[in-house]
Amino acid sequence: MTIRPLSTLAGIQCRSAADHALSHLFAEVVSARAADQLARGAPRREVALAGDSGRLAASLTAYARALEGYQLPVPPGIRDELRLRRRLPS
């Protein structure tokens, strides 16, 4: 069975506004994860480390809320990471 895109226009797949919003938010999660990973490997600078960790928590929260807003499930990995980040001291 072949899965077809929901909408096509002259052979080009059209993406919904939700796709664009979610892909932008997920790109921010990936970027924040990379910054947090770099900060954890660098010599300790409490201000930078807290900022990168806070950015990651904020981007995860925004992504999860957007998914819920579009009535989509939050992936278990995102949900668990967000739960862990909320419990860590900032």
PDB file of N, CA and C in Angstrom:
ATOM      1  N   MET A   1       0.837  -1.171   0.000  1.00  0.00           N
ATOM      2  CA  MET A   1       0.000   0.000   0.000  1.00  0.00           C
ATOM      3  C   MET A   1       0.884   1.236   0.000  1.00  0.00           C
ATOM      4  N   THR A   2       0.548   2.203  -0.827  1.00  0.00           N
ATOM      5  CA  THR A   2       1.310   3.433  -0.930  1.00  0.00           C
ATOM      6  C   THR A   2       0.594   4.543  -0.173  1.00  0.00           C
ATOM      7  N   ILE A   3       1.356   5.283   0.590  1.00  0.00           N
ATOM      8  CA  ILE A   3       0.796   6.425   1.310  1.00  0.00           C
ATOM      9  C   ILE A   3       1.023   7.664   0.463  1.00  0.00           C
ATOM     10  N   ARG A   4      -0.035   8.380   0.184  1.00  0.00           N
ATOM     11  CA  ARG A   4       0.052   9.585  -0.645  1.00  0.00           C
ATOM     12  C   ARG A   4      -0.061  10.826   0.225  1.00  0.00           C
ATOM     13  N   PRO A   5       0.581  11.915  -0.194  1.00  0.00           N
ATOM     14  CA  PRO A   5       0.439  13.160   0.564  1.00  0.00           C
ATOM     15  C   PRO A   5      -1.004  13.624   0.579  1.00  0.00           C
ATOM     16  N   LEU A   6      -1.361  14.350   1.622  1.00  0.00           N
ATOM     17  CA  LEU A   6      -2.738  14.819   1.742  1.00  0.00           C
ATOM     18  C   LEU A   6      -3.134  15.754   0.620  1.00  0.00           C
ATOM     19  N   SER A   7      -2.233  16.617   0.206  1.00  0.00           N
ATOM     20  CA  SER A   7      -2.580  17.527  -0.868  1.00  0.00           C
ATOM     21  C   SER A   7      -1.382  17.713  -1.786  1.00  0.00           C
ATOM     22  N   THR A   8      -1.652  17.718  -3.086  1.00  0.00           N
ATOM     23  CA  THR A   8      -0.590  17.974  -4.057  1.00  0.00           C
ATOM     24  C   THR A   8      -1.085  18.979  -5.063  1.00  0.00           C
ATOM     25  N   LEU A   9      -0.177  19.736  -5.602  1.00  0.00           N
ATOM     26  CA  LEU A   9      -0.495  20.727  -6.615  1.00  0.00           C
ATOM     27  C   LEU A   9       0.544  20.575  -7.711  1.00  0.00           C
ATOM     28  N   ALA A  10       0.143  20.096  -8.864  1.00  0.00           N
ATOM     29  CA  ALA A  10       1.029  19.879 -10.003  1.00  0.00           C
ATOM     30  C   ALA A  10       2.230  19.018  -9.621  1.00  0.00           C
ATOM     31  N   GLY A  11       1.988  17.997  -8.827  1.00  0.00           N
ATOM     32  CA  GLY A  11       3.052  17.083  -8.447  1.00  0.00           C
ATOM     33  C   GLY A  11       3.914  17.555  -7.288  1.00  0.00           C
ATOM     34  N   ILE A  12       3.638  18.746  -6.753  1.00  0.00           N
ATOM     35  CA  ILE A  12       4.398  19.281  -5.635  1.00  0.00           C
ATOM     36  C   ILE A  12       3.569  19.124  -4.371  1.00  0.00           C
ATOM     37  N   GLN A  13       4.191  18.553  -3.361  1.00  0.00           N
ATOM     38  CA  GLN A  13       3.466  18.348  -2.101  1.00  0.00           C
ATOM     39  C   GLN A  13       3.316  19.679  -1.381  1.00  0.00           C
ATOM     40  N   CYS A  14       2.084  20.015  -1.006  1.00  0.00           N
ATOM     41  CA  CYS A  14       1.813  21.239  -0.256  1.00  0.00           C
ATOM     42  C   CYS A  14       1.827  20.905   1.225  1.00  0.00           C
ATOM     43  N   ARG A  15       2.519  21.714   1.998  1.00  0.00           N
ATOM     44  CA  ARG A  15       2.590  21.483   3.430  1.00  0.00           C
ATOM     45  C   ARG A  15       1.642  22.441   4.121  1.00  0.00           C
ATOM     46  N   SER A  16       1.068  21.978   5.181  1.00  0.00           N
ATOM     47  CA  SER A  16       0.136  22.804   5.932  1.00  0.00           C
ATOM     48  C   SER A  16       0.885  23.773   6.829  1.00  0.00           C
ATOM     49  N   ALA A  17       0.164  24.718   7.377  1.00  0.00           N
ATOM     50  CA  ALA A  17       0.753  25.676   8.314  1.00  0.00           C
ATOM     51  C   ALA A  17       1.268  24.952   9.555  1.00  0.00           C
ATOM     52  N   ALA A  18       0.572  23.891   9.950  1.00  0.00           N
ATOM     53  CA  ALA A  18       1.013  23.104  11.109  1.00  0.00           C
ATOM     54  C   ALA A  18       2.369  22.468  10.834  1.00  0.00           C
ATOM     55  N   ASP A  19       2.564  21.945   9.626  1.00  0.00           N
ATOM     56  CA  ASP A  19       3.850  21.345   9.271  1.00  0.00           C
ATOM     57  C   ASP A  19       4.980  22.364   9.380  1.00  0.00           C
ATOM     58  N   HIS A  20       4.736  23.569   8.857  1.00  0.00           N
ATOM     59  CA  HIS A  20       5.750  24.618   8.909  1.00  0.00           C
ATOM     60  C   HIS A  20       6.044  25.029  10.345  1.00  0.00           C
ATOM     61  N   ALA A  21       5.011  25.230  11.126  1.00  0.00           N
ATOM     62  CA  ALA A  21       5.195  25.655  12.515  1.00  0.00           C
ATOM     63  C   ALA A  21       5.929  24.589  13.308  1.00  0.00           C
ATOM     64  N   LEU A  22       5.520  23.342  13.167  1.00  0.00           N
ATOM     65  CA  LEU A  22       6.142  22.260  13.917  1.00  0.00           C
ATOM     66  C   LEU A  22       7.578  22.015  13.473  1.00  0.00           C
ATOM     67  N   SER A  23       7.852  22.118  12.184  1.00  0.00           N
ATOM     68  CA  SER A  23       9.222  21.898  11.725  1.00  0.00           C
ATOM     69  C   SER A  23      10.136  23.011  12.218  1.00  0.00           C
ATOM     70  N   HIS A  24       9.629  24.245  12.266  1.00  0.00           N
ATOM     71  CA  HIS A  24      10.410  25.365  12.809  1.00  0.00           C
ATOM     72  C   HIS A  24      10.695  25.147  14.296  1.00  0.00           C
ATOM     73  N   LEU A  25       9.687  24.757  15.048  1.00  0.00           N
ATOM     74  CA  LEU A  25       9.867  24.515  16.479  1.00  0.00           C
ATOM     75  C   LEU A  25      10.806  23.338  16.739  1.00  0.00           C
ATOM     76  N   PHE A  26      10.712  22.282  15.928  1.00  0.00           N
ATOM     77  CA  PHE A  26      11.599  21.139  16.121  1.00  0.00           C
ATOM     78  C   PHE A  26      13.037  21.510  15.777  1.00  0.00           C
ATOM     79  N   ALA A  27      13.224  22.354  14.762  1.00  0.00           N
ATOM     80  CA  ALA A  27      14.573  22.821  14.430  1.00  0.00           C
ATOM     81  C   ALA A  27      15.167  23.588  15.601  1.00  0.00           C
ATOM     82  N   GLU A  28      14.358  24.361  16.306  1.00  0.00           N
ATOM     83  CA  GLU A  28      14.821  25.075  17.491  1.00  0.00           C
ATOM     84  C   GLU A  28      15.190  24.103  18.598  1.00  0.00           C
ATOM     85  N   VAL A  29      14.431  23.013  18.764  1.00  0.00           N
ATOM     86  CA  VAL A  29      14.771  21.993  19.755  1.00  0.00           C
ATOM     87  C   VAL A  29      16.133  21.378  19.428  1.00  0.00           C
ATOM     88  N   VAL A  30      16.350  21.042  18.172  1.00  0.00           N
ATOM     89  CA  VAL A  30      17.620  20.437  17.746  1.00  0.00           C
ATOM     90  C   VAL A  30      18.777  21.410  17.979  1.00  0.00           C
ATOM     91  N   SER A  31      18.572  22.675  17.639  1.00  0.00           N
ATOM     92  CA  SER A  31      19.602  23.694  17.848  1.00  0.00           C
ATOM     93  C   SER A  31      19.899  23.886  19.329  1.00  0.00           C
ATOM     94  N   ALA A  32      18.863  23.932  20.150  1.00  0.00           N
ATOM     95  CA  ALA A  32      19.048  24.099  21.592  1.00  0.00           C
ATOM     96  C   ALA A  32      19.743  22.888  22.204  1.00  0.00           C
ATOM     97  N   ARG A  33      19.431  21.701  21.715  1.00  0.00           N
ATOM     98  CA  ARG A  33      20.114  20.491  22.202  1.00  0.00           C
ATOM     99  C   ARG A  33      21.603  20.555  21.892  1.00  0.00           C
ATOM    100  N   ALA A  34      21.935  20.993  20.673  1.00  0.00           N
ATOM    101  CA  ALA A  34      23.345  21.095  20.276  1.00  0.00           C
ATOM    102  C   ALA A  34      24.079  22.114  21.143  1.00  0.00           C
ATOM    103  N   ALA A  35      23.461  23.259  21.392  1.00  0.00           N
ATOM    104  CA  ALA A  35      24.078  24.286  22.233  1.00  0.00           C
ATOM    105  C   ALA A  35      24.258  23.781  23.660  1.00  0.00           C
ATOM    106  N   ASP A  36      23.272  23.072  24.166  1.00  0.00           N
ATOM    107  CA  ASP A  36      23.358  22.512  25.516  1.00  0.00           C
ATOM    108  C   ASP A  36      24.464  21.468  25.590  1.00  0.00           C
ATOM    109  N   GLN A  37      24.582  20.643  24.579  1.00  0.00           N
ATOM    110  CA  GLN A  37      25.630  19.617  24.530  1.00  0.00           C
ATOM    111  C   GLN A  37      27.011  20.275  24.522  1.00  0.00           C
ATOM    112  N   LEU A  38      27.179  21.325  23.726  1.00  0.00           N
ATOM    113  CA  LEU A  38      28.454  22.038  23.688  1.00  0.00           C
ATOM    114  C   LEU A  38      28.769  22.685  25.029  1.00  0.00           C
ATOM    115  N   ALA A  39      27.758  23.256  25.648  1.00  0.00           N
ATOM    116  CA  ALA A  39      27.964  23.922  26.937  1.00  0.00           C
ATOM    117  C   ALA A  39      28.372  22.922  28.010  1.00  0.00           C
ATOM    118  N   ARG A  40      27.823  21.730  27.957  1.00  0.00           N
ATOM    119  CA  ARG A  40      28.170  20.728  28.961  1.00  0.00           C
ATOM    120  C   ARG A  40      29.587  20.201  28.768  1.00  0.00           C
ATOM    121  N   GLY A  41      30.120  20.280  27.548  1.00  0.00           N
ATOM    122  CA  GLY A  41      31.478  19.808  27.287  1.00  0.00           C
ATOM    123  C   GLY A  41      32.533  20.875  27.494  1.00  0.00           C
ATOM    124  N   ALA A  42      32.129  22.125  27.564  1.00  0.00           N
ATOM    125  CA  ALA A  42      33.068  23.236  27.714  1.00  0.00           C
ATOM    126  C   ALA A  42      33.396  23.452  29.188  1.00  0.00           C
ATOM    127  N   PRO A  43      34.463  24.207  29.468  1.00  0.00           N
ATOM    128  CA  PRO A  43      34.733  24.568  30.863  1.00  0.00           C
ATOM    129  C   PRO A  43      33.525  25.271  31.470  1.00  0.00           C
ATOM    130  N   ARG A  44      33.301  25.048  32.729  1.00  0.00           N
ATOM    131  CA  ARG A  44      32.084  25.537  33.396  1.00  0.00           C
ATOM    132  C   ARG A  44      32.004  27.054  33.414  1.00  0.00           C
ATOM    133  N   ARG A  45      30.945  27.521  32.850  1.00  0.00           N
ATOM    134  CA  ARG A  45      30.545  28.928  32.961  1.00  0.00           C
ATOM    135  C   ARG A  45      29.078  28.862  33.334  1.00  0.00           C
ATOM    136  N   GLU A  46      28.792  29.066  34.577  1.00  0.00           N
ATOM    137  CA  GLU A  46      27.431  28.873  35.109  1.00  0.00           C
ATOM    138  C   GLU A  46      26.384  29.655  34.324  1.00  0.00           C
ATOM    139  N   VAL A  47      26.698  30.874  33.933  1.00  0.00           N
ATOM    140  CA  VAL A  47      25.717  31.702  33.221  1.00  0.00           C
ATOM    141  C   VAL A  47      25.387  31.088  31.866  1.00  0.00           C
ATOM    142  N   ALA A  48      26.413  30.690  31.115  1.00  0.00           N
ATOM    143  CA  ALA A  48      26.186  30.115  29.788  1.00  0.00           C
ATOM    144  C   ALA A  48      25.469  28.772  29.897  1.00  0.00           C
ATOM    145  N   LEU A  49      25.871  27.962  30.867  1.00  0.00           N
ATOM    146  CA  LEU A  49      25.261  26.647  31.038  1.00  0.00           C
ATOM    147  C   LEU A  49      23.778  26.769  31.383  1.00  0.00           C
ATOM    148  N   ALA A  50      23.454  27.668  32.291  1.00  0.00           N
ATOM    149  CA  ALA A  50      22.052  27.873  32.668  1.00  0.00           C
ATOM    150  C   ALA A  50      21.245  28.414  31.495  1.00  0.00           C
ATOM    151  N   GLY A  51      21.846  29.297  30.701  1.00  0.00           N
ATOM    152  CA  GLY A  51      21.145  29.864  29.549  1.00  0.00           C
ATOM    153  C   GLY A  51      20.828  28.817  28.500  1.00  0.00           C
ATOM    154  N   ASP A  52      21.800  27.957  28.199  1.00  0.00           N
ATOM    155  CA  ASP A  52      21.578  26.909  27.198  1.00  0.00           C
ATOM    156  C   ASP A  52      20.572  25.876  27.688  1.00  0.00           C
ATOM    157  N   SER A  53      20.643  25.551  28.968  1.00  0.00           N
ATOM    158  CA  SER A  53      19.697  24.594  29.542  1.00  0.00           C
ATOM    159  C   SER A  53      18.284  25.182  29.551  1.00  0.00           C
ATOM    160  N   GLY A  54      18.184  26.447  29.895  1.00  0.00           N
ATOM    161  CA  GLY A  54      16.883  27.122  29.883  1.00  0.00           C
ATOM    162  C   GLY A  54      16.306  27.233  28.484  1.00  0.00           C
ATOM    163  N   ARG A  55      17.178  27.492  27.514  1.00  0.00           N
ATOM    164  CA  ARG A  55      16.731  27.566  26.112  1.00  0.00           C
ATOM    165  C   ARG A  55      16.167  26.223  25.660  1.00  0.00           C
ATOM    166  N   LEU A  56      16.851  25.144  26.046  1.00  0.00           N
ATOM    167  CA  LEU A  56      16.378  23.813  25.659  1.00  0.00           C
ATOM    168  C   LEU A  56      15.032  23.509  26.309  1.00  0.00           C
ATOM    169  N   ALA A  57      14.891  23.827  27.584  1.00  0.00           N
ATOM    170  CA  ALA A  57      13.612  23.585  28.271  1.00  0.00           C
ATOM    171  C   ALA A  57      12.497  24.399  27.630  1.00  0.00           C
ATOM    172  N   ALA A  58      12.788  25.648  27.276  1.00  0.00           N
ATOM    173  CA  ALA A  58      11.774  26.508  26.649  1.00  0.00           C
ATOM    174  C   ALA A  58      11.387  25.989  25.264  1.00  0.00           C
ATOM    175  N   SER A  59      12.364  25.528  24.494  1.00  0.00           N
ATOM    176  CA  SER A  59      12.050  25.032  23.151  1.00  0.00           C
ATOM    177  C   SER A  59      11.280  23.716  23.209  1.00  0.00           C
ATOM    178  N   LEU A  60      11.619  22.861  24.165  1.00  0.00           N
ATOM    179  CA  LEU A  60      10.863  21.615  24.337  1.00  0.00           C
ATOM    180  C   LEU A  60       9.420  21.905  24.744  1.00  0.00           C
ATOM    181  N   THR A  61       9.252  22.872  25.640  1.00  0.00           N
ATOM    182  CA  THR A  61       7.902  23.253  26.080  1.00  0.00           C
ATOM    183  C   THR A  61       7.082  23.797  24.915  1.00  0.00           C
ATOM    184  N   ALA A  62       7.692  24.681  24.123  1.00  0.00           N
ATOM    185  CA  ALA A  62       6.982  25.261  22.979  1.00  0.00           C
ATOM    186  C   ALA A  62       6.592  24.191  21.973  1.00  0.00           C
ATOM    187  N   TYR A  63       7.486  23.249  21.716  1.00  0.00           N
ATOM    188  CA  TYR A  63       7.195  22.175  20.766  1.00  0.00           C
ATOM    189  C   TYR A  63       6.071  21.278  21.277  1.00  0.00           C
ATOM    190  N   ALA A  64       6.138  20.903  22.546  1.00  0.00           N
ATOM    191  CA  ALA A  64       5.094  20.045  23.124  1.00  0.00           C
ATOM    192  C   ALA A  64       3.737  20.743  23.110  1.00  0.00           C
ATOM    193  N   ARG A  65       3.712  22.019  23.456  1.00  0.00           N
ATOM    194  CA  ARG A  65       2.444  22.768  23.437  1.00  0.00           C
ATOM    195  C   ARG A  65       1.874  22.887  22.033  1.00  0.00           C
ATOM    196  N   ALA A  66       2.754  23.084  21.049  1.00  0.00           N
ATOM    197  CA  ALA A  66       2.287  23.169  19.665  1.00  0.00           C
ATOM    198  C   ALA A  66       1.693  21.839  19.211  1.00  0.00           C
ATOM    199  N   LEU A  67       2.364  20.740  19.546  1.00  0.00           N
ATOM    200  CA  LEU A  67       1.819  19.431  19.195  1.00  0.00           C
ATOM    201  C   LEU A  67       0.446  19.233  19.829  1.00  0.00           C
ATOM    202  N   GLU A  68       0.330  19.560  21.105  1.00  0.00           N
ATOM    203  CA  GLU A  68      -0.951  19.427  21.793  1.00  0.00           C
ATOM    204  C   GLU A  68      -2.000  20.352  21.179  1.00  0.00           C
ATOM    205  N   GLY A  69      -1.572  21.550  20.772  1.00  0.00           N
ATOM    206  CA  GLY A  69      -2.491  22.492  20.136  1.00  0.00           C
ATOM    207  C   GLY A  69      -3.054  21.965  18.827  1.00  0.00           C
ATOM    208  N   TYR A  70      -2.240  21.206  18.091  1.00  0.00           N
ATOM    209  CA  TYR A  70      -2.697  20.590  16.846  1.00  0.00           C
ATOM    210  C   TYR A  70      -3.302  19.209  17.089  1.00  0.00           C
ATOM    211  N   GLN A  71      -3.508  18.869  18.345  1.00  0.00           N
ATOM    212  CA  GLN A  71      -4.087  17.596  18.758  1.00  0.00           C
ATOM    213  C   GLN A  71      -3.283  16.408  18.244  1.00  0.00           C
ATOM    214  N   LEU A  72      -1.951  16.547  18.342  1.00  0.00           N
ATOM    215  CA  LEU A  72      -1.034  15.481  17.983  1.00  0.00           C
ATOM    216  C   LEU A  72      -0.366  14.972  19.259  1.00  0.00           C
ATOM    217  N   PRO A  73       0.008  13.714  19.289  1.00  0.00           N
ATOM    218  CA  PRO A  73       0.654  13.185  20.503  1.00  0.00           C
ATOM    219  C   PRO A  73       2.080  13.718  20.640  1.00  0.00           C
ATOM    220  N   VAL A  74       2.489  13.934  21.867  1.00  0.00           N
ATOM    221  CA  VAL A  74       3.869  14.322  22.154  1.00  0.00           C
ATOM    222  C   VAL A  74       4.678  13.031  22.215  1.00  0.00           C
ATOM    223  N   PRO A  75       5.746  12.913  21.409  1.00  0.00           N
ATOM    224  CA  PRO A  75       6.544  11.683  21.428  1.00  0.00           C
ATOM    225  C   PRO A  75       7.087  11.413  22.838  1.00  0.00           C
ATOM    226  N   PRO A  76       7.147  10.151  23.226  1.00  0.00           N
ATOM    227  CA  PRO A  76       7.613   9.817  24.574  1.00  0.00           C
ATOM    228  C   PRO A  76       8.987  10.393  24.905  1.00  0.00           C
ATOM    229  N   GLY A  77       9.891  10.410  23.950  1.00  0.00           N
ATOM    230  CA  GLY A  77      11.228  10.960  24.200  1.00  0.00           C
ATOM    231  C   GLY A  77      11.187  12.442  24.543  1.00  0.00           C
ATOM    232  N   ILE A  78      10.374  13.199  23.819  1.00  0.00           N
ATOM    233  CA  ILE A  78      10.214  14.631  24.084  1.00  0.00           C
ATOM    234  C   ILE A  78       9.545  14.817  25.435  1.00  0.00           C
ATOM    235  N   ARG A  79       8.500  14.058  25.689  1.00  0.00           N
ATOM    236  CA  ARG A  79       7.770  14.163  26.955  1.00  0.00           C
ATOM    237  C   ARG A  79       8.680  13.871  28.142  1.00  0.00           C
ATOM    238  N   ASP A  80       9.472  12.800  28.035  1.00  0.00           N
ATOM    239  CA  ASP A  80      10.345  12.411  29.135  1.00  0.00           C
ATOM    240  C   ASP A  80      11.477  13.416  29.340  1.00  0.00           C
ATOM    241  N   GLU A  81      12.044  13.904  28.246  1.00  0.00           N
ATOM    242  CA  GLU A  81      13.109  14.899  28.356  1.00  0.00           C
ATOM    243  C   GLU A  81      12.591  16.185  28.985  1.00  0.00           C
ATOM    244  N   LEU A  82      11.413  16.587  28.601  1.00  0.00           N
ATOM    245  CA  LEU A  82      10.807  17.795  29.166  1.00  0.00           C
ATOM    246  C   LEU A  82      10.528  17.612  30.654  1.00  0.00           C
ATOM    247  N   ARG A  83      10.012  16.462  31.024  1.00  0.00           N
ATOM    248  CA  ARG A  83       9.754  16.175  32.437  1.00  0.00           C
ATOM    249  C   ARG A  83      11.050  16.219  33.243  1.00  0.00           C
ATOM    250  N   LEU A  84      12.113  15.660  32.696  1.00  0.00           N
ATOM    251  CA  LEU A  84      13.411  15.679  33.363  1.00  0.00           C
ATOM    252  C   LEU A  84      13.943  17.104  33.481  1.00  0.00           C
ATOM    253  N   ARG A  85      13.852  17.879  32.419  1.00  0.00           N
ATOM    254  CA  ARG A  85      14.348  19.265  32.424  1.00  0.00           C
ATOM    255  C   ARG A  85      13.586  20.109  33.448  1.00  0.00           C
ATOM    256  N   ARG A  86      12.319  19.872  33.590  1.00  0.00           N
ATOM    257  CA  ARG A  86      11.526  20.660  34.553  1.00  0.00           C
ATOM    258  C   ARG A  86      11.935  20.362  35.980  1.00  0.00           C
ATOM    259  N   ARG A  87      12.422  19.159  36.243  1.00  0.00           N
ATOM    260  CA  ARG A  87      12.811  18.768  37.601  1.00  0.00           C
ATOM    261  C   ARG A  87      14.236  19.195  37.961  1.00  0.00           C
ATOM    262  N   LEU A  88      15.038  19.510  36.947  1.00  0.00           N
ATOM    263  CA  LEU A  88      16.415  19.941  37.207  1.00  0.00           C
ATOM    264  C   LEU A  88      16.429  21.373  37.711  1.00  0.00           C
ATOM    265  N   PRO A  89      17.355  21.702  38.620  1.00  0.00           N
ATOM    266  CA  PRO A  89      17.460  23.097  39.044  1.00  0.00           C
ATOM    267  C   PRO A  89      17.956  23.956  37.895  1.00  0.00           C
ATOM    268  N   SER A  90      17.431  25.175  37.793  1.00  0.00           N
ATOM    269  CA  SER A  90      17.836  26.014  36.677  1.00  0.00           C
ATOM    270  C   SER A  90      19.058  26.833  36.970  1.00  0.00           C
TER     271      SER A  90
END
